[in-house]
N, C-alpha and C. Protein backbone atom coordinates (compact mmCIF):
# COMPACT_ATOMS: atom_id res chain seq x y z
N UNK A 1 84.93 90.27 141.84
CA UNK A 1 85.03 91.41 141.04
C UNK A 1 86.41 91.61 140.43
N UNK A 2 87.46 91.50 141.29
CA UNK A 2 88.83 91.64 140.82
C UNK A 2 89.19 90.48 139.86
N UNK A 3 88.80 89.31 140.18
CA UNK A 3 89.09 88.13 139.35
C UNK A 3 88.41 88.20 137.97
N UNK A 4 87.22 88.81 138.01
CA UNK A 4 86.49 89.02 136.71
C UNK A 4 87.24 90.02 135.83
N UNK A 5 87.75 91.04 136.48
CA UNK A 5 88.52 92.06 135.67
C UNK A 5 89.81 91.45 135.09
N UNK A 6 90.51 90.65 135.89
CA UNK A 6 91.69 89.98 135.40
C UNK A 6 91.34 89.01 134.30
N UNK A 7 90.28 88.24 134.48
CA UNK A 7 89.84 87.29 133.46
C UNK A 7 89.50 88.03 132.14
N UNK A 8 88.86 89.15 132.23
CA UNK A 8 88.55 89.90 131.01
C UNK A 8 89.79 90.40 130.27
N UNK A 9 90.78 90.85 131.11
CA UNK A 9 92.02 91.30 130.47
C UNK A 9 92.70 90.15 129.77
N UNK A 10 92.76 89.00 130.39
CA UNK A 10 93.48 87.86 129.84
C UNK A 10 92.70 87.24 128.63
N UNK A 11 91.43 87.14 128.73
CA UNK A 11 90.60 86.48 127.72
C UNK A 11 90.21 87.35 126.55
N UNK A 12 90.05 88.66 126.80
CA UNK A 12 89.55 89.55 125.75
C UNK A 12 90.63 90.61 125.27
N UNK A 13 91.08 91.34 126.19
CA UNK A 13 91.94 92.45 125.81
C UNK A 13 93.35 92.04 125.33
N UNK A 14 93.96 91.06 126.00
CA UNK A 14 95.26 90.60 125.61
C UNK A 14 95.25 89.99 124.21
N UNK A 15 94.30 89.09 123.91
CA UNK A 15 94.28 88.54 122.51
C UNK A 15 94.04 89.60 121.45
N UNK A 16 93.18 90.59 121.83
CA UNK A 16 92.93 91.68 120.86
C UNK A 16 94.21 92.52 120.64
N UNK A 17 94.95 92.75 121.70
CA UNK A 17 96.18 93.48 121.58
C UNK A 17 97.19 92.71 120.71
N UNK A 18 97.31 91.36 121.00
CA UNK A 18 98.28 90.57 120.25
C UNK A 18 97.94 90.47 118.78
N UNK A 19 96.62 90.45 118.44
CA UNK A 19 96.21 90.34 117.07
C UNK A 19 96.58 91.63 116.27
N UNK A 20 96.60 92.75 116.98
CA UNK A 20 96.89 94.02 116.29
C UNK A 20 98.39 94.28 116.11
N UNK A 21 99.20 93.45 116.74
CA UNK A 21 100.67 93.69 116.69
C UNK A 21 101.23 93.30 115.30
N UNK A 22 102.13 94.17 114.83
CA UNK A 22 102.65 93.98 113.47
C UNK A 22 103.84 92.95 113.51
N UNK A 23 103.52 91.67 113.79
CA UNK A 23 104.57 90.66 113.82
C UNK A 23 104.80 90.12 112.45
N UNK A 24 106.04 90.27 111.90
CA UNK A 24 106.34 89.76 110.59
C UNK A 24 106.45 88.27 110.60
N UNK A 25 106.27 87.60 109.40
CA UNK A 25 106.30 86.16 109.36
C UNK A 25 107.74 85.61 109.25
N UNK A 26 108.70 86.48 108.93
CA UNK A 26 110.08 86.04 108.79
C UNK A 26 110.95 86.97 109.62
N UNK A 27 112.16 86.54 109.83
CA UNK A 27 113.16 87.39 110.59
C UNK A 27 113.47 88.64 109.74
N UNK A 28 113.57 88.48 108.49
CA UNK A 28 113.85 89.66 107.58
C UNK A 28 112.75 90.72 107.65
N UNK A 29 111.52 90.25 108.00
CA UNK A 29 110.40 91.23 108.06
C UNK A 29 110.61 92.25 109.12
N UNK A 30 111.33 91.97 110.17
CA UNK A 30 111.58 92.94 111.18
C UNK A 30 112.34 94.18 110.63
N UNK A 31 113.18 93.96 109.62
CA UNK A 31 113.89 95.07 109.02
C UNK A 31 113.00 95.99 108.26
N UNK A 32 111.86 95.53 107.85
CA UNK A 32 110.88 96.37 107.05
C UNK A 32 109.86 97.05 107.90
N UNK A 33 109.92 96.82 109.21
CA UNK A 33 108.91 97.48 110.08
C UNK A 33 109.17 99.03 110.16
N UNK A 34 108.07 99.78 110.20
CA UNK A 34 108.21 101.22 110.33
C UNK A 34 108.45 101.59 111.79
N UNK A 35 108.75 102.83 112.05
CA UNK A 35 109.03 103.31 113.43
C UNK A 35 107.75 103.16 114.29
N UNK A 36 106.62 103.47 113.72
CA UNK A 36 105.38 103.34 114.51
C UNK A 36 105.06 101.92 114.84
N UNK A 37 105.36 100.98 113.89
CA UNK A 37 105.18 99.54 114.19
C UNK A 37 106.13 99.06 115.30
N UNK A 38 107.38 99.51 115.27
CA UNK A 38 108.33 99.16 116.33
C UNK A 38 107.84 99.73 117.67
N UNK A 39 107.28 100.91 117.70
CA UNK A 39 106.77 101.51 118.94
C UNK A 39 105.59 100.66 119.52
N UNK A 40 104.77 100.12 118.61
CA UNK A 40 103.67 99.23 119.06
C UNK A 40 104.17 97.92 119.59
N UNK A 41 105.36 97.46 119.15
CA UNK A 41 105.95 96.27 119.62
C UNK A 41 106.74 96.39 120.94
N UNK A 42 107.15 97.65 121.31
CA UNK A 42 107.92 97.84 122.48
C UNK A 42 107.39 97.30 123.75
N UNK A 43 106.12 97.51 124.12
CA UNK A 43 105.62 96.94 125.37
C UNK A 43 105.81 95.40 125.47
N UNK A 44 105.44 94.69 124.39
CA UNK A 44 105.59 93.25 124.30
C UNK A 44 107.08 92.82 124.45
N UNK A 45 107.95 93.52 123.70
CA UNK A 45 109.37 93.20 123.75
C UNK A 45 109.97 93.47 125.12
N UNK A 46 109.50 94.51 125.82
CA UNK A 46 109.93 94.82 127.16
C UNK A 46 109.55 93.75 128.11
N UNK A 47 108.28 93.28 128.02
CA UNK A 47 107.80 92.20 128.95
C UNK A 47 108.55 90.93 128.65
N UNK A 48 108.80 90.58 127.38
CA UNK A 48 109.59 89.36 127.12
C UNK A 48 110.98 89.49 127.61
N UNK A 49 111.62 90.64 127.51
CA UNK A 49 112.95 90.80 127.98
C UNK A 49 113.00 90.68 129.50
N UNK A 50 112.02 91.21 130.18
CA UNK A 50 111.93 91.16 131.68
C UNK A 50 111.73 89.71 132.11
N UNK A 51 110.82 88.99 131.47
CA UNK A 51 110.62 87.60 131.77
C UNK A 51 111.87 86.71 131.50
N UNK A 52 112.55 86.98 130.42
CA UNK A 52 113.80 86.25 130.15
C UNK A 52 114.86 86.53 131.21
N UNK A 53 115.01 87.76 131.61
CA UNK A 53 115.96 88.14 132.63
C UNK A 53 115.62 87.48 133.96
N UNK A 54 114.33 87.51 134.34
CA UNK A 54 113.95 86.94 135.60
C UNK A 54 114.10 85.39 135.56
N UNK A 55 114.01 84.83 134.38
CA UNK A 55 114.27 83.36 134.31
C UNK A 55 115.70 82.97 134.44
N UNK A 56 116.63 83.77 133.87
CA UNK A 56 118.06 83.37 133.98
C UNK A 56 118.73 84.00 135.17
N UNK A 57 118.16 84.92 135.86
CA UNK A 57 118.80 85.62 137.00
C UNK A 57 119.29 84.65 138.04
N UNK A 58 118.61 83.58 138.46
CA UNK A 58 119.13 82.71 139.49
C UNK A 58 120.44 81.99 139.03
N UNK A 59 120.71 81.91 137.74
CA UNK A 59 121.85 81.23 137.24
C UNK A 59 123.06 82.14 136.98
N UNK A 60 122.86 83.47 137.07
CA UNK A 60 123.91 84.42 136.87
C UNK A 60 124.89 84.37 138.06
N UNK A 61 126.16 84.65 137.85
CA UNK A 61 127.13 84.65 138.95
C UNK A 61 126.81 85.77 139.93
N UNK A 62 126.96 85.52 141.23
CA UNK A 62 126.68 86.49 142.23
C UNK A 62 127.86 87.50 142.26
N UNK A 63 127.56 88.75 142.40
CA UNK A 63 128.65 89.76 142.56
C UNK A 63 129.13 89.74 143.98
N UNK A 64 130.43 89.90 144.12
CA UNK A 64 131.04 90.02 145.47
C UNK A 64 130.60 91.30 146.10
N UNK A 65 130.22 91.26 147.34
CA UNK A 65 129.93 92.44 148.08
C UNK A 65 131.19 93.25 148.32
N UNK A 66 131.08 94.50 148.35
CA UNK A 66 132.27 95.34 148.61
C UNK A 66 132.89 94.99 149.92
N UNK A 67 132.12 94.53 150.88
CA UNK A 67 132.64 94.19 152.19
C UNK A 67 133.61 93.01 152.09
N UNK A 68 133.44 92.11 151.13
CA UNK A 68 134.24 90.92 151.05
C UNK A 68 135.36 91.03 150.00
N UNK A 69 135.59 92.19 149.45
CA UNK A 69 136.58 92.28 148.39
C UNK A 69 137.96 92.57 148.94
N UNK A 70 138.96 92.28 148.09
CA UNK A 70 140.38 92.49 148.51
C UNK A 70 140.64 93.99 148.65
N UNK A 71 141.52 94.28 149.57
CA UNK A 71 141.95 95.66 149.79
C UNK A 71 143.30 95.86 149.18
N UNK A 72 144.24 94.98 149.57
CA UNK A 72 145.59 94.98 149.07
C UNK A 72 145.67 94.28 147.76
N UNK A 73 145.83 95.00 146.68
CA UNK A 73 145.84 94.39 145.37
C UNK A 73 147.22 94.02 144.83
N UNK A 74 148.31 94.75 145.35
CA UNK A 74 149.64 94.48 144.76
C UNK A 74 150.82 94.69 145.68
N UNK A 75 150.65 95.12 146.90
CA UNK A 75 151.79 95.37 147.78
C UNK A 75 152.17 94.15 148.61
N UNK A 76 153.38 93.66 148.41
CA UNK A 76 153.95 92.55 149.13
C UNK A 76 152.97 91.31 149.12
N UNK A 77 152.53 90.97 148.01
CA UNK A 77 151.58 89.84 147.88
C UNK A 77 152.21 88.49 148.19
N UNK A 78 153.58 88.42 148.15
CA UNK A 78 154.25 87.18 148.47
C UNK A 78 154.27 86.94 149.99
N UNK A 79 154.01 87.93 150.81
CA UNK A 79 153.96 87.75 152.27
C UNK A 79 152.58 87.33 152.75
N UNK A 80 152.52 86.52 153.80
CA UNK A 80 151.24 86.05 154.29
C UNK A 80 150.47 87.23 154.90
N UNK A 81 151.14 88.22 155.53
CA UNK A 81 150.44 89.38 156.07
C UNK A 81 151.41 90.57 155.95
N UNK A 82 150.87 91.71 155.48
CA UNK A 82 151.68 92.90 155.34
C UNK A 82 151.54 93.67 156.61
N UNK A 83 152.62 93.80 157.36
CA UNK A 83 152.66 94.61 158.58
C UNK A 83 153.89 95.43 158.49
N UNK A 84 153.74 96.76 158.66
CA UNK A 84 154.87 97.71 158.63
C UNK A 84 155.04 98.28 160.01
N UNK A 85 156.29 98.28 160.47
CA UNK A 85 156.68 98.92 161.75
C UNK A 85 157.52 100.11 161.46
N UNK A 86 157.19 101.23 162.10
CA UNK A 86 157.96 102.47 161.89
C UNK A 86 158.33 103.02 163.28
N UNK A 87 159.59 103.27 163.48
CA UNK A 87 160.10 103.88 164.68
C UNK A 87 160.00 105.38 164.61
N UNK A 88 159.38 105.98 165.66
CA UNK A 88 159.17 107.41 165.72
C UNK A 88 159.67 107.89 167.06
N UNK A 89 160.49 108.89 167.08
CA UNK A 89 161.02 109.41 168.33
C UNK A 89 160.00 110.09 169.20
N UNK A 90 159.11 110.89 168.55
CA UNK A 90 158.19 111.70 169.29
C UNK A 90 156.89 111.04 169.65
N UNK A 91 156.79 109.75 169.54
CA UNK A 91 155.56 109.02 169.90
C UNK A 91 155.39 109.00 171.39
N UNK A 92 154.23 109.42 171.83
CA UNK A 92 153.98 109.54 173.29
C UNK A 92 153.88 108.18 173.97
N UNK A 93 153.11 107.24 173.40
CA UNK A 93 153.04 105.84 173.98
C UNK A 93 154.09 104.96 173.41
N UNK A 94 154.23 103.77 173.99
CA UNK A 94 155.28 102.81 173.57
C UNK A 94 155.03 102.40 172.08
N UNK A 95 153.74 102.18 171.71
CA UNK A 95 153.41 101.80 170.32
C UNK A 95 151.99 102.15 170.05
N UNK A 96 151.65 102.27 168.76
CA UNK A 96 150.34 102.54 168.30
C UNK A 96 150.05 101.65 167.07
N UNK A 97 148.88 101.04 166.95
CA UNK A 97 148.56 100.13 165.94
C UNK A 97 147.36 100.68 165.10
N UNK A 98 147.58 100.99 163.79
CA UNK A 98 146.56 101.59 162.98
C UNK A 98 146.02 100.62 161.95
N UNK A 99 144.73 100.71 161.72
CA UNK A 99 144.00 99.86 160.82
C UNK A 99 144.28 100.23 159.34
N UNK A 100 144.49 99.22 158.51
CA UNK A 100 144.63 99.43 157.08
C UNK A 100 143.62 98.60 156.30
N UNK A 101 142.74 97.88 156.99
CA UNK A 101 141.78 97.04 156.27
C UNK A 101 140.40 97.72 156.21
N UNK A 102 140.21 98.82 156.88
CA UNK A 102 138.97 99.58 156.88
C UNK A 102 137.82 98.82 157.51
N UNK A 103 138.09 97.74 158.22
CA UNK A 103 137.01 97.00 158.86
C UNK A 103 136.93 97.20 160.41
N UNK A 104 137.89 97.91 160.95
CA UNK A 104 137.99 98.07 162.39
C UNK A 104 136.77 98.80 162.97
N UNK A 105 136.25 98.30 164.10
CA UNK A 105 135.13 98.96 164.76
C UNK A 105 135.63 100.19 165.53
N UNK A 106 136.94 100.28 165.73
CA UNK A 106 137.55 101.40 166.47
C UNK A 106 138.45 102.22 165.54
N UNK A 107 138.10 102.25 164.23
CA UNK A 107 138.85 102.95 163.28
C UNK A 107 139.20 104.36 163.70
N UNK A 108 140.40 104.86 163.58
CA UNK A 108 141.54 104.34 162.86
C UNK A 108 142.43 103.37 163.59
N UNK A 109 142.10 103.08 164.85
CA UNK A 109 142.91 102.16 165.63
C UNK A 109 142.56 100.68 165.25
N UNK A 110 143.54 99.87 165.06
CA UNK A 110 143.37 98.47 164.70
C UNK A 110 142.72 97.66 165.82
N UNK A 111 141.67 96.93 165.52
CA UNK A 111 141.08 95.95 166.48
C UNK A 111 141.22 94.52 166.00
N UNK A 112 142.13 94.31 165.13
CA UNK A 112 142.44 92.99 164.50
C UNK A 112 141.30 92.42 163.67
N UNK A 113 140.49 93.31 163.10
CA UNK A 113 139.45 92.88 162.19
C UNK A 113 140.03 92.30 160.88
N UNK A 114 141.32 92.65 160.61
CA UNK A 114 141.93 92.20 159.37
C UNK A 114 142.08 90.71 159.40
N UNK A 115 142.15 90.09 160.58
CA UNK A 115 142.31 88.62 160.64
C UNK A 115 141.08 87.93 159.96
N UNK A 116 139.88 88.37 160.35
CA UNK A 116 138.66 87.80 159.76
C UNK A 116 138.60 88.16 158.24
N UNK A 117 138.88 89.42 157.99
CA UNK A 117 138.88 89.87 156.58
C UNK A 117 139.79 89.00 155.70
N UNK A 118 140.98 88.76 156.14
CA UNK A 118 141.95 87.97 155.45
C UNK A 118 141.46 86.52 155.25
N UNK A 119 140.84 85.97 156.27
CA UNK A 119 140.32 84.61 156.14
C UNK A 119 139.18 84.54 155.11
N UNK A 120 138.30 85.53 155.08
CA UNK A 120 137.18 85.52 154.15
C UNK A 120 137.63 85.75 152.71
N UNK A 121 138.60 86.60 152.50
CA UNK A 121 138.92 87.03 151.13
C UNK A 121 140.24 86.48 150.59
N UNK A 122 141.08 85.95 151.48
CA UNK A 122 142.36 85.53 151.02
C UNK A 122 143.33 86.66 150.89
N UNK A 123 142.99 87.83 151.37
CA UNK A 123 143.85 89.05 151.38
C UNK A 123 145.00 88.85 152.35
N UNK A 124 145.95 89.79 152.37
CA UNK A 124 147.04 89.69 153.28
C UNK A 124 147.31 91.04 154.01
N UNK A 125 146.28 91.81 154.16
CA UNK A 125 146.43 93.17 154.75
C UNK A 125 146.63 93.02 156.27
N UNK A 126 147.43 93.89 156.82
CA UNK A 126 147.69 93.90 158.24
C UNK A 126 147.80 95.32 158.74
N UNK A 127 148.06 95.52 160.01
CA UNK A 127 148.09 96.88 160.55
C UNK A 127 149.38 97.59 160.31
N UNK A 128 149.33 98.93 160.54
CA UNK A 128 150.52 99.79 160.55
C UNK A 128 150.87 99.96 162.03
N UNK A 129 152.08 99.56 162.42
CA UNK A 129 152.45 99.67 163.84
C UNK A 129 153.50 100.76 163.95
N UNK A 130 153.24 101.74 164.78
CA UNK A 130 154.18 102.82 165.07
C UNK A 130 154.78 102.49 166.41
N UNK A 131 156.12 102.51 166.54
CA UNK A 131 156.79 102.24 167.76
C UNK A 131 157.64 103.45 168.18
N UNK A 132 157.72 103.69 169.48
CA UNK A 132 158.53 104.76 169.98
C UNK A 132 160.00 104.41 169.87
N UNK A 133 160.73 105.23 169.21
CA UNK A 133 162.15 104.97 168.92
C UNK A 133 162.95 105.27 170.21
N UNK A 134 163.68 104.31 170.65
CA UNK A 134 164.48 104.45 171.85
C UNK A 134 165.86 104.93 171.41
N UNK A 135 166.27 106.02 171.99
CA UNK A 135 167.55 106.60 171.59
C UNK A 135 168.69 106.09 172.40
């Protein structure tokens, strides 16, 4: 029953639809089409555009996922890894290491996720290290 319906659409209704379309014989004929004729062509043009896109889609360049993109775009790019140490007198522990790559599972504390991130992306981001200043 379903196959008969599909066969009827393909064999009868589709050819009848295509015969009624206002397809001009030359490229210049498209400029002379009226608005109502363009509206009758829209479903066919939409399907052709979709089929064209689906055909070329495997060959289009893949977009980088946000997860794999660079974080540090311009700070100390000449260094292999950007790590800043700051001495603070009032720091309670001897040192604290804070994440700047946004990949840490223990954010805001650094868990060295920047190492994998830098390998994947070629970035050079590193942690912010706060050290207790010894007077």
